[in-house]
C-alpha atoms as a PDB file:
ATOM      1  CA  MET A   1      32.026 -26.402  15.286  1.00  0.00           C
ATOM      2  CA  GLU A   2      28.603 -25.817  13.752  1.00  0.00           C
ATOM      3  CA  LYS A   3      27.032 -25.483  17.197  1.00  0.00           C
ATOM      4  CA  TYR A   4      29.441 -22.666  18.078  1.00  0.00           C
ATOM      5  CA  ALA A   5      28.469 -20.793  14.925  1.00  0.00           C
ATOM      6  CA  LEU A   6      24.786 -21.176  15.793  1.00  0.00           C
ATOM      7  CA  MET A   7      25.425 -20.044  19.356  1.00  0.00           C
ATOM      8  CA  ALA A   8      27.379 -17.017  18.118  1.00  0.00           C
ATOM      9  CA  ALA A   9      24.554 -16.088  15.743  1.00  0.00           C
ATOM     10  CA  ALA A  10      21.801 -16.540  18.343  1.00  0.00           C
ATOM     11  CA  PHE A  11      23.438 -14.932  21.363  1.00  0.00           C
ATOM     12  CA  GLY A  12      25.055 -12.193  19.309  1.00  0.00           C
ATOM     13  CA  ALA A  13      21.678 -11.209  17.869  1.00  0.00           C
ATOM     14  CA  LEU A  14      19.995 -11.467  21.275  1.00  0.00           C
ATOM     15  CA  ALA A  15      22.563  -9.269  23.015  1.00  0.00           C
ATOM     16  CA  ILE A  16      22.695  -6.577  20.327  1.00  0.00           C
ATOM     17  CA  THR A  17      18.904  -6.450  19.960  1.00  0.00           C
ATOM     18  CA  ALA A  18      18.275  -6.186  23.696  1.00  0.00           C
ATOM     19  CA  ALA A  19      21.045  -3.615  24.192  1.00  0.00           C
ATOM     20  CA  SER A  20      20.055  -1.476  21.207  1.00  0.00           C
ATOM     21  CA  GLY A  21      16.641  -1.001  22.778  1.00  0.00           C
ATOM     22  CA  LEU A  22      18.336   1.150  25.423  1.00  0.00           C
ATOM     23  CA  LEU A  23      19.177   3.660  22.691  1.00  0.00           C
ATOM     24  CA  ILE A  24      16.521   3.203  20.025  1.00  0.00           C
ATOM     25  CA  ILE A  25      13.382   3.174  22.198  1.00  0.00           C
ATOM     26  CA  PRO A  26      14.190   6.464  24.024  1.00  0.00           C
ATOM     27  CA  ALA A  27      15.051   7.977  20.633  1.00  0.00           C
ATOM     28  CA  LEU A  28      11.679   6.895  19.217  1.00  0.00           C
ATOM     29  CA  ARG A  29       9.993   8.405  22.255  1.00  0.00           C
ATOM     30  CA  ARG A  30      11.836  11.728  21.833  1.00  0.00           C
ATOM     31  CA  LEU A  31      10.856  11.808  18.165  1.00  0.00           C
ATOM     32  CA  HIS A  32       7.227  11.136  19.179  1.00  0.00           C
ATOM     33  CA  PHE A  33       7.117   8.012  17.015  1.00  0.00           C
ATOM     34  CA  GLY A  34       4.195   6.674  19.013  1.00  0.00           C
ATOM     35  CA  GLN A  35       1.554   4.161  17.986  1.00  0.00           C
ATOM     36  CA  THR A  36      -1.952   5.474  17.291  1.00  0.00           C
ATOM     37  CA  ILE A  37      -4.484   2.890  18.436  1.00  0.00           C
ATOM     38  CA  LYS A  38      -7.501   2.558  16.142  1.00  0.00           C
ATOM     39  CA  GLU A  39     -10.873   3.168  17.762  1.00  0.00           C
ATOM     40  CA  ILE A  40     -12.296   0.005  16.168  1.00  0.00           C
ATOM     41  CA  GLY A  41      -9.955  -2.124  18.275  1.00  0.00           C
ATOM     42  CA  PRO A  42     -10.542  -3.384  21.829  1.00  0.00           C
ATOM     43  CA  THR A  43     -11.253  -0.390  24.076  1.00  0.00           C
ATOM     44  CA  TRP A  44      -8.586  -1.414  26.594  1.00  0.00           C
ATOM     45  CA  HIS A  45      -5.944  -0.974  23.873  1.00  0.00           C
ATOM     46  CA  GLN A  46      -6.434   2.796  24.074  1.00  0.00           C
ATOM     47  CA  GLY A  47      -4.085   2.785  27.051  1.00  0.00           C
ATOM     48  CA  LYS A  48      -1.315   1.809  24.607  1.00  0.00           C
ATOM     49  CA  ASN A  49      -1.641   5.057  22.668  1.00  0.00           C
ATOM     50  CA  GLY A  50       1.729   6.719  22.282  1.00  0.00           C
ATOM     51  CA  THR A  51       3.797   3.576  22.896  1.00  0.00           C
ATOM     52  CA  PRO A  52       6.883   3.902  20.672  1.00  0.00           C
ATOM     53  CA  THR A  53       6.496   2.019  17.411  1.00  0.00           C
ATOM     54  CA  MET A  54       9.073   1.031  14.765  1.00  0.00           C
ATOM     55  CA  GLY A  55      10.840  -0.866  17.572  1.00  0.00           C
ATOM     56  CA  GLY A  56      11.651  -3.525  14.991  1.00  0.00           C
ATOM     57  CA  LEU A  57      14.715  -1.418  14.272  1.00  0.00           C
ATOM     58  CA  THR A  58      16.263  -2.991  17.370  1.00  0.00           C
ATOM     59  CA  PHE A  59      16.579  -6.417  15.777  1.00  0.00           C
ATOM     60  CA  TYR A  60      17.627  -5.039  12.367  1.00  0.00           C
ATOM     61  CA  LEU A  61      21.104  -4.512  13.770  1.00  0.00           C
ATOM     62  CA  GLY A  62      20.934  -7.544  16.054  1.00  0.00           C
ATOM     63  CA  VAL A  63      20.102 -10.043  13.303  1.00  0.00           C
ATOM     64  CA  LEU A  64      22.748  -8.613  10.980  1.00  0.00           C
ATOM     65  CA  VAL A  65      25.437  -8.819  13.666  1.00  0.00           C
ATOM     66  CA  GLY A  66      24.300 -12.334  14.554  1.00  0.00           C
ATOM     67  CA  VAL A  67      24.531 -13.522  10.955  1.00  0.00           C
ATOM     68  CA  VAL A  68      27.980 -11.975  10.486  1.00  0.00           C
ATOM     69  CA  LEU A  69      29.272 -13.466  13.760  1.00  0.00           C
ATOM     70  CA  GLY A  70      27.870 -16.909  13.039  1.00  0.00           C
ATOM     71  CA  TYR A  71      29.101 -16.933   9.455  1.00  0.00           C
ATOM     72  CA  THR A  72      32.567 -15.784  10.502  1.00  0.00           C
ATOM     73  CA  VAL A  73      32.864 -18.506  13.152  1.00  0.00           C
ATOM     74  CA  LEU A  74      31.680 -21.086  10.627  1.00  0.00           C
ATOM     75  CA  ALA A  75      33.996 -19.912   7.850  1.00  0.00           C
ATOM     76  CA  LEU A  76      37.081 -19.714  10.053  1.00  0.00           C
ATOM     77  CA  SER A  77      36.456 -22.963  11.896  1.00  0.00           C
ATOM     78  CA  VAL A  78      35.215 -25.352   9.226  1.00  0.00           C
ATOM     79  CA  PRO A  79      35.517 -23.756   5.766  1.00  0.00           C
ATOM     80  CA  SER A  80      34.736 -27.087   4.141  1.00  0.00           C
ATOM     81  CA  LEU A  81      31.163 -26.831   5.445  1.00  0.00           C
ATOM     82  CA  LEU A  82      30.669 -23.745   3.313  1.00  0.00           C
ATOM     83  CA  GLY A  83      32.394 -24.997   0.201  1.00  0.00           C
ATOM     84  CA  GLY A  84      33.940 -21.576  -0.169  1.00  0.00           C
ATOM     85  CA  TRP A  85      32.707 -18.064   0.482  1.00  0.00           C
ATOM     86  CA  LEU A  86      30.713 -18.031  -2.731  1.00  0.00           C
ATOM     87  CA  SER A  87      29.118 -21.471  -2.505  1.00  0.00           C
ATOM     88  CA  GLY A  88      25.463 -21.838  -3.432  1.00  0.00           C
ATOM     89  CA  THR A  89      24.281 -22.087   0.168  1.00  0.00           C
ATOM     90  CA  SER A  90      26.318 -19.035   1.184  1.00  0.00           C
ATOM     91  CA  VAL A  91      24.879 -16.967  -1.652  1.00  0.00           C
ATOM     92  CA  SER A  92      21.388 -18.138  -0.679  1.00  0.00           C
ATOM     93  CA  LEU A  93      22.070 -16.783   2.803  1.00  0.00           C
ATOM     94  CA  PHE A  94      23.082 -13.374   1.474  1.00  0.00           C
ATOM     95  CA  ILE A  95      20.092 -13.296  -0.883  1.00  0.00           C
ATOM     96  CA  GLY A  96      17.762 -14.212   1.984  1.00  0.00           C
ATOM     97  CA  VAL A  97      19.172 -11.538   4.306  1.00  0.00           C
ATOM     98  CA  LEU A  98      18.870  -8.854   1.620  1.00  0.00           C
ATOM     99  CA  THR A  99      15.298  -9.934   0.858  1.00  0.00           C
ATOM    100  CA  ALA A 100      14.281  -9.747   4.514  1.00  0.00           C
ATOM    101  CA  TYR A 101      15.670  -6.229   4.804  1.00  0.00           C
ATOM    102  CA  ALA A 102      13.966  -5.230   1.556  1.00  0.00           C
ATOM    103  CA  PHE A 103      10.587  -6.307   2.950  1.00  0.00           C
ATOM    104  CA  GLY A 104      11.501  -4.519   6.178  1.00  0.00           C
ATOM    105  CA  LEU A 105      12.169  -1.331   4.217  1.00  0.00           C
ATOM    106  CA  VAL A 106       8.631  -1.443   2.821  1.00  0.00           C
ATOM    107  CA  GLY A 107       7.349  -1.756   6.382  1.00  0.00           C
ATOM    108  CA  PHE A 108       9.578   1.110   7.511  1.00  0.00           C
ATOM    109  CA  VAL A 109       8.171   3.397   4.805  1.00  0.00           C
ATOM    110  CA  ASP A 110       4.654   2.357   5.811  1.00  0.00           C
ATOM    111  CA  ASP A 111       5.335   3.187   9.477  1.00  0.00           C
ATOM    112  CA  TYR A 112       7.083   6.439   8.581  1.00  0.00           C
ATOM    113  CA  ILE A 113       4.056   7.645   6.627  1.00  0.00           C
ATOM    114  CA  LYS A 114       1.739   6.680   9.500  1.00  0.00           C
ATOM    115  CA  VAL A 115       3.795   8.261  12.254  1.00  0.00           C
ATOM    116  CA  VAL A 116       5.584  11.215  10.641  1.00  0.00           C
ATOM    117  CA  LYS A 117       3.184  12.115   7.852  1.00  0.00           C
ATOM    118  CA  LYS A 118       0.179  11.446  10.128  1.00  0.00           C
ATOM    119  CA  ARG A 119      -1.583   9.290   7.521  1.00  0.00           C
ATOM    120  CA  ASN A 120      -3.099   6.479   9.573  1.00  0.00           C
ATOM    121  CA  LEU A 121      -3.462   4.124   6.598  1.00  0.00           C
ATOM    122  CA  GLY A 122       0.245   4.404   5.830  1.00  0.00           C
ATOM    123  CA  LEU A 123       1.631   3.424   2.444  1.00  0.00           C
ATOM    124  CA  MET A 124      -1.170   3.023  -0.091  1.00  0.00           C
ATOM    125  CA  ALA A 125      -2.079  -0.638  -0.602  1.00  0.00           C
ATOM    126  CA  ARG A 126      -1.320  -0.678  -4.312  1.00  0.00           C
ATOM    127  CA  TYR A 127       2.185   0.712  -3.780  1.00  0.00           C
ATOM    128  CA  LYS A 128       2.822  -1.779  -1.004  1.00  0.00           C
ATOM    129  CA  ILE A 129       1.756  -4.709  -3.206  1.00  0.00           C
ATOM    130  CA  VAL A 130       3.836  -3.465  -6.144  1.00  0.00           C
ATOM    131  CA  ALA A 131       6.897  -3.226  -3.889  1.00  0.00           C
ATOM    132  CA  GLN A 132       6.289  -6.724  -2.508  1.00  0.00           C
ATOM    133  CA  VAL A 133       5.857  -8.170  -6.002  1.00  0.00           C
ATOM    134  CA  LEU A 134       9.131  -6.581  -7.154  1.00  0.00           C
ATOM    135  CA  ILE A 135      11.016  -7.874  -4.100  1.00  0.00           C
ATOM    136  CA  THR A 136       9.555 -11.363  -4.523  1.00  0.00           C
ATOM    137  CA  GLY A 137      10.429 -11.393  -8.215  1.00  0.00           C
ATOM    138  CA  ALA A 138      13.997 -10.310  -7.487  1.00  0.00           C
ATOM    139  CA  TYR A 139      14.294 -12.928  -4.738  1.00  0.00           C
ATOM    140  CA  LEU A 140      13.051 -15.854  -6.822  1.00  0.00           C
ATOM    141  CA  SER A 141      15.138 -14.747  -9.818  1.00  0.00           C
ATOM    142  CA  SER A 142      18.251 -14.567  -7.631  1.00  0.00           C
ATOM    143  CA  LEU A 143      17.691 -18.075  -6.249  1.00  0.00           C
ATOM    144  CA  TYR A 144      17.092 -19.388  -9.779  1.00  0.00           C
ATOM    145  CA  LEU A 145      20.306 -17.819 -11.100  1.00  0.00           C
ATOM    146  CA  ASN A 146      22.143 -19.180  -8.071  1.00  0.00           C
ATOM    147  CA  GLY A 147      20.934 -22.669  -8.949  1.00  0.00           C
ATOM    148  CA  THR A 148      19.304 -23.215  -5.561  1.00  0.00           C
ATOM    149  CA  LEU A 149      15.650 -23.023  -6.588  1.00  0.00           C
ATOM    150  CA  SER A 150      13.764 -26.178  -7.499  1.00  0.00           C
ATOM    151  CA  THR A 151      10.225 -26.471  -8.824  1.00  0.00           C
ATOM    152  CA  ILE A 152       9.912 -29.873  -7.138  1.00  0.00           C
ATOM    153  CA  VAL A 153       8.022 -29.719  -3.850  1.00  0.00           C
ATOM    154  CA  THR A 154       7.459 -32.572  -1.396  1.00  0.00           C
ATOM    155  CA  LEU A 155       3.839 -32.655  -0.264  1.00  0.00           C
ATOM    156  CA  PRO A 156       2.113 -34.746   2.419  1.00  0.00           C
ATOM    157  CA  LEU A 157       0.583 -37.938   0.942  1.00  0.00           C
ATOM    158  CA  LEU A 158       1.614 -36.947  -2.624  1.00  0.00           C
ATOM    159  CA  GLY A 159       5.383 -37.080  -2.268  1.00  0.00           C
ATOM    160  CA  ALA A 160       7.623 -35.133  -4.655  1.00  0.00           C
ATOM    161  CA  VAL A 161       5.630 -33.080  -7.179  1.00  0.00           C
ATOM    162  CA  ASP A 162       7.163 -31.038 -10.001  1.00  0.00           C
ATOM    163  CA  PHE A 163       4.992 -27.935 -10.431  1.00  0.00           C
ATOM    164  CA  GLY A 164       6.968 -26.619 -13.395  1.00  0.00           C
ATOM    165  CA  TRP A 165       6.268 -22.983 -14.256  1.00  0.00           C
ATOM    166  CA  PHE A 166       3.229 -22.970 -11.937  1.00  0.00           C
ATOM    167  CA  PHE A 167       5.667 -23.182  -9.032  1.00  0.00           C
ATOM    168  CA  TYR A 168       6.553 -19.524  -9.571  1.00  0.00           C
ATOM    169  CA  VAL A 169       2.906 -18.430  -9.513  1.00  0.00           C
ATOM    170  CA  LEU A 170       2.345 -20.318  -6.281  1.00  0.00           C
ATOM    171  CA  SER A 171       5.570 -18.907  -4.826  1.00  0.00           C
ATOM    172  CA  PHE A 172       4.518 -15.324  -5.494  1.00  0.00           C
ATOM    173  CA  LEU A 173       1.230 -15.966  -3.717  1.00  0.00           C
ATOM    174  CA  LEU A 174       2.853 -17.846  -0.844  1.00  0.00           C
ATOM    175  CA  ILE A 175       5.689 -15.389  -0.210  1.00  0.00           C
ATOM    176  CA  ILE A 176       3.600 -12.222  -0.373  1.00  0.00           C
ATOM    177  CA  GLY A 177       0.773 -13.882   1.541  1.00  0.00           C
ATOM    178  CA  MET A 178       3.095 -15.119   4.284  1.00  0.00           C
ATOM    179  CA  VAL A 179       4.852 -11.754   4.705  1.00  0.00           C
ATOM    180  CA  ASN A 180       1.491 -10.053   5.158  1.00  0.00           C
ATOM    181  CA  ALA A 181       0.244 -12.858   7.426  1.00  0.00           C
ATOM    182  CA  VAL A 182       3.170 -12.276   9.785  1.00  0.00           C
ATOM    183  CA  ASN A 183       2.266  -8.593   9.693  1.00  0.00           C
ATOM    184  CA  LEU A 184      -1.315  -9.434  10.746  1.00  0.00           C
ATOM    185  CA  THR A 185      -0.007 -11.567  13.618  1.00  0.00           C
ATOM    186  CA  ASP A 186       1.622  -8.498  15.154  1.00  0.00           C
ATOM    187  CA  GLY A 187      -1.438  -7.263  17.012  1.00  0.00           C
ATOM    188  CA  ILE A 188      -0.820  -7.793  20.730  1.00  0.00           C
ATOM    189  CA  ASP A 189       2.215  -7.556  22.989  1.00  0.00           C
ATOM    190  CA  GLY A 190       4.820 -10.199  22.240  1.00  0.00           C
ATOM    191  CA  LEU A 191       2.726 -12.290  19.839  1.00  0.00           C
ATOM    192  CA  ALA A 192       4.602 -11.991  16.534  1.00  0.00           C
ATOM    193  CA  SER A 193       8.010 -12.095  18.201  1.00  0.00           C
ATOM    194  CA  SER A 194       7.122 -15.148  20.347  1.00  0.00           C
ATOM    195  CA  VAL A 195       5.586 -17.107  17.478  1.00  0.00           C
ATOM    196  CA  THR A 196       8.479 -16.253  15.151  1.00  0.00           C
ATOM    197  CA  PHE A 197      10.986 -17.258  17.825  1.00  0.00           C
ATOM    198  CA  VAL A 198       9.435 -20.745  17.912  1.00  0.00           C
ATOM    199  CA  VAL A 199       9.294 -20.903  14.105  1.00  0.00           C
ATOM    200  CA  MET A 200      12.949 -19.944  13.756  1.00  0.00           C
ATOM    201  CA  MET A 201      14.111 -22.380  16.410  1.00  0.00           C
ATOM    202  CA  GLY A 202      12.332 -25.077  14.427  1.00  0.00           C
ATOM    203  CA  PHE A 203      13.893 -23.957  11.158  1.00  0.00           C
ATOM    204  CA  MET A 204      17.318 -23.908  12.806  1.00  0.00           C
ATOM    205  CA  PHE A 205      17.048 -27.578  13.774  1.00  0.00           C
ATOM    206  CA  ILE A 206      15.533 -28.623  10.445  1.00  0.00           C
ATOM    207  CA  ALA A 207      18.147 -26.733   8.431  1.00  0.00           C
ATOM    208  CA  SER A 208      20.864 -28.425  10.487  1.00  0.00           C
ATOM    209  CA  LEU A 209      19.198 -31.796   9.892  1.00  0.00           C
ATOM    210  CA  LEU A 210      19.273 -31.108   6.145  1.00  0.00           C
ATOM    211  CA  GLY A 211      22.920 -30.061   6.312  1.00  0.00           C
ATOM    212  CA  ASN A 212      22.233 -26.436   5.379  1.00  0.00           C
ATOM    213  CA  THR A 213      24.373 -24.765   8.028  1.00  0.00           C
ATOM    214  CA  THR A 214      24.236 -21.247   6.615  1.00  0.00           C
ATOM    215  CA  MET A 215      20.442 -21.073   6.713  1.00  0.00           C
ATOM    216  CA  ALA A 216      20.506 -22.650  10.167  1.00  0.00           C
ATOM    217  CA  LEU A 217      22.606 -19.777  11.455  1.00  0.00           C
ATOM    218  CA  PHE A 218      20.271 -17.271   9.760  1.00  0.00           C
ATOM    219  CA  ALA A 219      17.360 -18.866  11.619  1.00  0.00           C
ATOM    220  CA  ALA A 220      19.403 -18.844  14.834  1.00  0.00           C
ATOM    221  CA  ALA A 221      20.142 -15.133  14.436  1.00  0.00           C
ATOM    222  CA  VAL A 222      16.463 -14.291  13.862  1.00  0.00           C
ATOM    223  CA  ALA A 223      15.447 -16.417  16.862  1.00  0.00           C
ATOM    224  CA  GLY A 224      18.001 -14.555  18.974  1.00  0.00           C
ATOM    225  CA  GLY A 225      16.733 -11.224  17.674  1.00  0.00           C
ATOM    226  CA  CYS A 226      13.151 -12.157  18.592  1.00  0.00           C
ATOM    227  CA  ALA A 227      14.254 -13.193  22.087  1.00  0.00           C
ATOM    228  CA  GLY A 228      16.137  -9.928  22.552  1.00  0.00           C
ATOM    229  CA  PHE A 229      13.151  -7.936  21.335  1.00  0.00           C
ATOM    230  CA  LEU A 230      10.840  -9.684  23.781  1.00  0.00           C
ATOM    231  CA  ALA A 231      12.749  -7.938  26.569  1.00  0.00           C
ATOM    232  CA  TRP A 232      11.021  -4.776  25.307  1.00  0.00           C
ATOM    233  CA  ASN A 233       7.903  -6.173  23.667  1.00  0.00           C
ATOM    234  CA  PHE A 234       6.518  -8.748  26.114  1.00  0.00           C
ATOM    235  CA  TYR A 235       3.404  -7.631  27.992  1.00  0.00           C
ATOM    236  CA  PRO A 236       3.229  -4.822  28.916  1.00  0.00           C
ATOM    237  CA  ALA A 237       5.143  -3.728  25.830  1.00  0.00           C
ATOM    238  CA  LYS A 238       7.546  -0.823  26.035  1.00  0.00           C
ATOM    239  CA  THR A 239       7.665  -0.679  22.248  1.00  0.00           C
ATOM    240  CA  PHE A 240       5.898  -2.179  19.236  1.00  0.00           C
ATOM    241  CA  MET A 241       7.811  -3.585  16.281  1.00  0.00           C
ATOM    242  CA  GLY A 242       5.477  -1.939  13.769  1.00  0.00           C
ATOM    243  CA  ASP A 243       5.364  -2.929  10.104  1.00  0.00           C
ATOM    244  CA  THR A 244       9.087  -2.132  10.203  1.00  0.00           C
ATOM    245  CA  GLY A 245       9.642  -5.275  12.232  1.00  0.00           C
ATOM    246  CA  SER A 246       6.766  -7.553  11.231  1.00  0.00           C
ATOM    247  CA  MET A 247       7.437  -7.349   7.490  1.00  0.00           C
ATOM    248  CA  PHE A 248      11.121  -7.946   8.136  1.00  0.00           C
ATOM    249  CA  LEU A 249      10.240 -11.048  10.147  1.00  0.00           C
ATOM    250  CA  GLY A 250       7.899 -12.172   7.376  1.00  0.00           C
ATOM    251  CA  GLY A 251      10.785 -11.844   4.947  1.00  0.00           C
ATOM    252  CA  THR A 252      13.044 -13.938   7.160  1.00  0.00           C
ATOM    253  CA  VAL A 253      10.453 -16.698   7.500  1.00  0.00           C
ATOM    254  CA  VAL A 254      10.039 -17.149   3.745  1.00  0.00           C
ATOM    255  CA  ALA A 255      13.761 -16.664   3.094  1.00  0.00           C
ATOM    256  CA  VAL A 256      14.713 -19.523   5.418  1.00  0.00           C
ATOM    257  CA  ALA A 257      11.995 -21.834   4.066  1.00  0.00           C
ATOM    258  CA  TYR A 258      13.038 -21.268   0.450  1.00  0.00           C
ATOM    259  CA  GLY A 259      16.707 -21.145   1.395  1.00  0.00           C
ATOM    260  CA  ILE A 260      16.592 -24.744   2.631  1.00  0.00           C
ATOM    261  CA  GLY A 261      14.533 -25.755  -0.397  1.00  0.00           C
ATOM    262  CA  ARG A 262      11.438 -26.702   1.611  1.00  0.00           C
ATOM    263  CA  PRO A 263       8.799 -23.967   1.099  1.00  0.00           C
ATOM    264  CA  GLU A 264       6.056 -26.488   1.891  1.00  0.00           C
ATOM    265  CA  LEU A 265       7.174 -26.343   5.532  1.00  0.00           C
ATOM    266  CA  LEU A 266       5.488 -22.957   5.777  1.00  0.00           C
ATOM    267  CA  LEU A 267       2.200 -24.871   5.914  1.00  0.00           C
ATOM    268  CA  PHE A 268       3.399 -26.512   9.150  1.00  0.00           C
ATOM    269  CA  MET A 269       5.676 -23.918  10.725  1.00  0.00           C
ATOM    270  CA  GLY A 270       3.504 -20.954   9.777  1.00  0.00           C
ATOM    271  CA  VAL A 271       0.230 -22.414  11.033  1.00  0.00           C
ATOM    272  CA  ILE A 272      -0.533 -19.407  13.259  1.00  0.00           C
ATOM    273  CA  TYR A 273       0.311 -16.930  10.499  1.00  0.00           C
ATOM    274  CA  LEU A 274      -2.065 -18.776   8.184  1.00  0.00           C
ATOM    275  CA  ILE A 275      -4.835 -18.926  10.793  1.00  0.00           C
ATOM    276  CA  GLU A 276      -4.504 -15.187  11.399  1.00  0.00           C
ATOM    277  CA  ALA A 277      -4.668 -14.399   7.668  1.00  0.00           C
ATOM    278  CA  PHE A 278      -7.583 -16.751   6.961  1.00  0.00           C
ATOM    279  CA  SER A 279      -9.531 -15.354   9.915  1.00  0.00           C
ATOM    280  CA  VAL A 280      -9.386 -11.922   8.291  1.00  0.00           C
ATOM    281  CA  MET A 281     -10.355 -13.304   4.878  1.00  0.00           C
ATOM    282  CA  LEU A 282     -13.280 -15.238   6.343  1.00  0.00           C
ATOM    283  CA  GLN A 283     -14.462 -12.269   8.371  1.00  0.00           C
ATOM    284  CA  VAL A 284     -14.391  -9.867   5.438  1.00  0.00           C
ATOM    285  CA  THR A 285     -16.033 -12.341   3.032  1.00  0.00           C
ATOM    286  CA  TYR A 286     -18.786 -13.333   5.471  1.00  0.00           C
ATOM    287  CA  PHE A 287     -19.400  -9.681   6.391  1.00  0.00           C
ATOM    288  CA  LYS A 288     -19.951  -8.756   2.735  1.00  0.00           C
ATOM    289  CA  LEU A 289     -22.072 -11.793   1.898  1.00  0.00           C
ATOM    290  CA  THR A 290     -24.352 -11.375   4.922  1.00  0.00           C
ATOM    291  CA  HIS A 291     -24.471  -7.570   4.788  1.00  0.00           C
ATOM    292  CA  GLY A 292     -22.947  -6.917   8.172  1.00  0.00           C
ATOM    293  CA  LYS A 293     -22.843 -10.195  10.112  1.00  0.00           C
ATOM    294  CA  ARG A 294     -19.589 -11.464  11.620  1.00  0.00           C
ATOM    295  CA  ILE A 295     -18.083 -14.867  12.325  1.00  0.00           C
ATOM    296  CA  PHE A 296     -15.606 -13.556  14.888  1.00  0.00           C
ATOM    297  CA  LYS A 297     -16.088 -10.788  17.395  1.00  0.00           C
ATOM    298  CA  MET A 298     -13.090  -9.154  15.768  1.00  0.00           C
ATOM    299  CA  SER A 299     -10.318 -10.168  13.391  1.00  0.00           C
ATOM    300  CA  PRO A 300      -7.489 -11.101  13.179  1.00  0.00           C
ATOM    301  CA  ILE A 301      -8.443 -13.982  15.413  1.00  0.00           C
ATOM    302  CA  HIS A 302      -6.186 -13.003  18.334  1.00  0.00           C
ATOM    303  CA  HIS A 303      -8.493 -10.021  18.869  1.00  0.00           C
ATOM    304  CA  HIS A 304     -11.490 -12.394  18.915  1.00  0.00           C
ATOM    305  CA  PHE A 305      -9.968 -14.238  21.855  1.00  0.00           C
ATOM    306  CA  GLU A 306      -9.231 -10.915  23.535  1.00  0.00           C
ATOM    307  CA  MET A 307     -12.890  -9.970  23.191  1.00  0.00           C
ATOM    308  CA  CYS A 308     -13.740 -13.371  24.737  1.00  0.00           C
ATOM    309  CA  GLY A 309     -11.788 -12.398  27.851  1.00  0.00           C
ATOM    310  CA  TRP A 310      -8.407 -14.029  27.208  1.00  0.00           C
ATOM    311  CA  SER A 311      -5.409 -12.083  28.469  1.00  0.00           C
ATOM    312  CA  GLU A 312      -2.679 -11.124  26.030  1.00  0.00           C
ATOM    313  CA  VAL A 313      -0.226 -13.392  27.849  1.00  0.00           C
ATOM    314  CA  LYS A 314      -2.611 -16.363  27.532  1.00  0.00           C
ATOM    315  CA  ILE A 315      -3.093 -15.747  23.799  1.00  0.00           C
ATOM    316  CA  VAL A 316       0.660 -15.535  23.244  1.00  0.00           C
ATOM    317  CA  SER A 317       1.213 -18.741  25.234  1.00  0.00           C
ATOM    318  CA  VAL A 318      -1.500 -20.725  23.420  1.00  0.00           C
ATOM    319  CA  PHE A 319      -0.522 -19.469  19.958  1.00  0.00           C
ATOM    320  CA  SER A 320       3.150 -20.221  20.647  1.00  0.00           C
ATOM    321  CA  PHE A 321       2.226 -23.749  21.747  1.00  0.00           C
ATOM    322  CA  ILE A 322       0.189 -24.297  18.570  1.00  0.00           C
ATOM    323  CA  THR A 323       3.200 -23.070  16.602  1.00  0.00           C
ATOM    324  CA  LEU A 324       5.402 -25.541  18.476  1.00  0.00           C
ATOM    325  CA  VAL A 325       3.055 -28.361  17.476  1.00  0.00           C
ATOM    326  CA  GLY A 326       3.305 -27.216  13.849  1.00  0.00           C
ATOM    327  CA  VAL A 327       7.086 -27.091  14.111  1.00  0.00           C
ATOM    328  CA  VAL A 328       7.243 -30.641  15.518  1.00  0.00           C
ATOM    329  CA  LEU A 329       4.950 -31.913  12.738  1.00  0.00           C
ATOM    330  CA  GLY A 330       7.121 -30.111  10.188  1.00  0.00           C
ATOM    331  CA  GLY A 331      10.214 -31.757  11.620  1.00  0.00           C
ATOM    332  CA  ILE A 332       8.579 -35.202  11.503  1.00  0.00           C
ATOM    333  CA  PHE A 333       7.500 -34.577   7.907  1.00  0.00           C
ATOM    334  CA  VAL A 334      11.043 -33.699   6.879  1.00  0.00           C
ATOM    335  CA  TYR A 335      12.438 -36.742   8.698  1.00  0.00           C
ATOM    336  CA  VAL A 336      10.071 -39.237   7.085  1.00  0.00           C
ATOM    337  CA  SER A 337      10.246 -37.678   3.627  1.00  0.00           C
END
């Protein structure tokens, strides 16, 4: 019956997300919640000025409905799989969902300040980091108290390594870094949602392989939400997810990875997120060291390929394929380890 729970989560999220766009996107347009395109970006992006942003709200409801549907089917059909409503894996699911929405709330505030308060930089960086640190601390503490957090990590070539207290330092850096990396990936039509769809499909299969059904249905719901959102976000986009959506997706990615006890998989599954983040770090560092020279024509790296003449659809296709390769490698790593 597990497959029916996963199907309920995925298709429920897809249907609600796609349908909610019929109401939310016109509402965003009436409220004049349009995206302001920065002048430093590709000139052809200026035609996107005014496209409704904060469209990530569409999959907020979709993912939640998907999780509830999938969990209900699972609980009613095979309660033994859950070990009770308050089993460790079930609590990890609830903790992960709450964490994703908490990160999404930070993104929502950031978008609200940009769009409504007309402050293009949005939420000040120091406040954003403080909020992310608090959410990460609460998340890790909750998993620890739930007894589902281990400091032992399986690494390629090294095997199982117990990081002890240093695990928490690394986790803070990894979680906050990954959430912001997903945010950076949201730069062209359909990119973040397509890449995250592939990532979540991979996590769904891996979680099932590991016997963690609850996190599998969470991944299925997020994958369905991404697919439903693509109906509105694929090129040419009718709405952008904004930080409202991208930070929520970042929260789901880390929540599923930690929820199945395999945070090291982010190095495989999140390869595009990491490339996007490192391209920005390299660009900024090189620019400062060379007093104005650049490695890339523009960062994050998806804009570099745009400036090289790649279409947005081609970039999304290539980046999604690279993500698929990372997902397959992650799956092989889990299987052999």
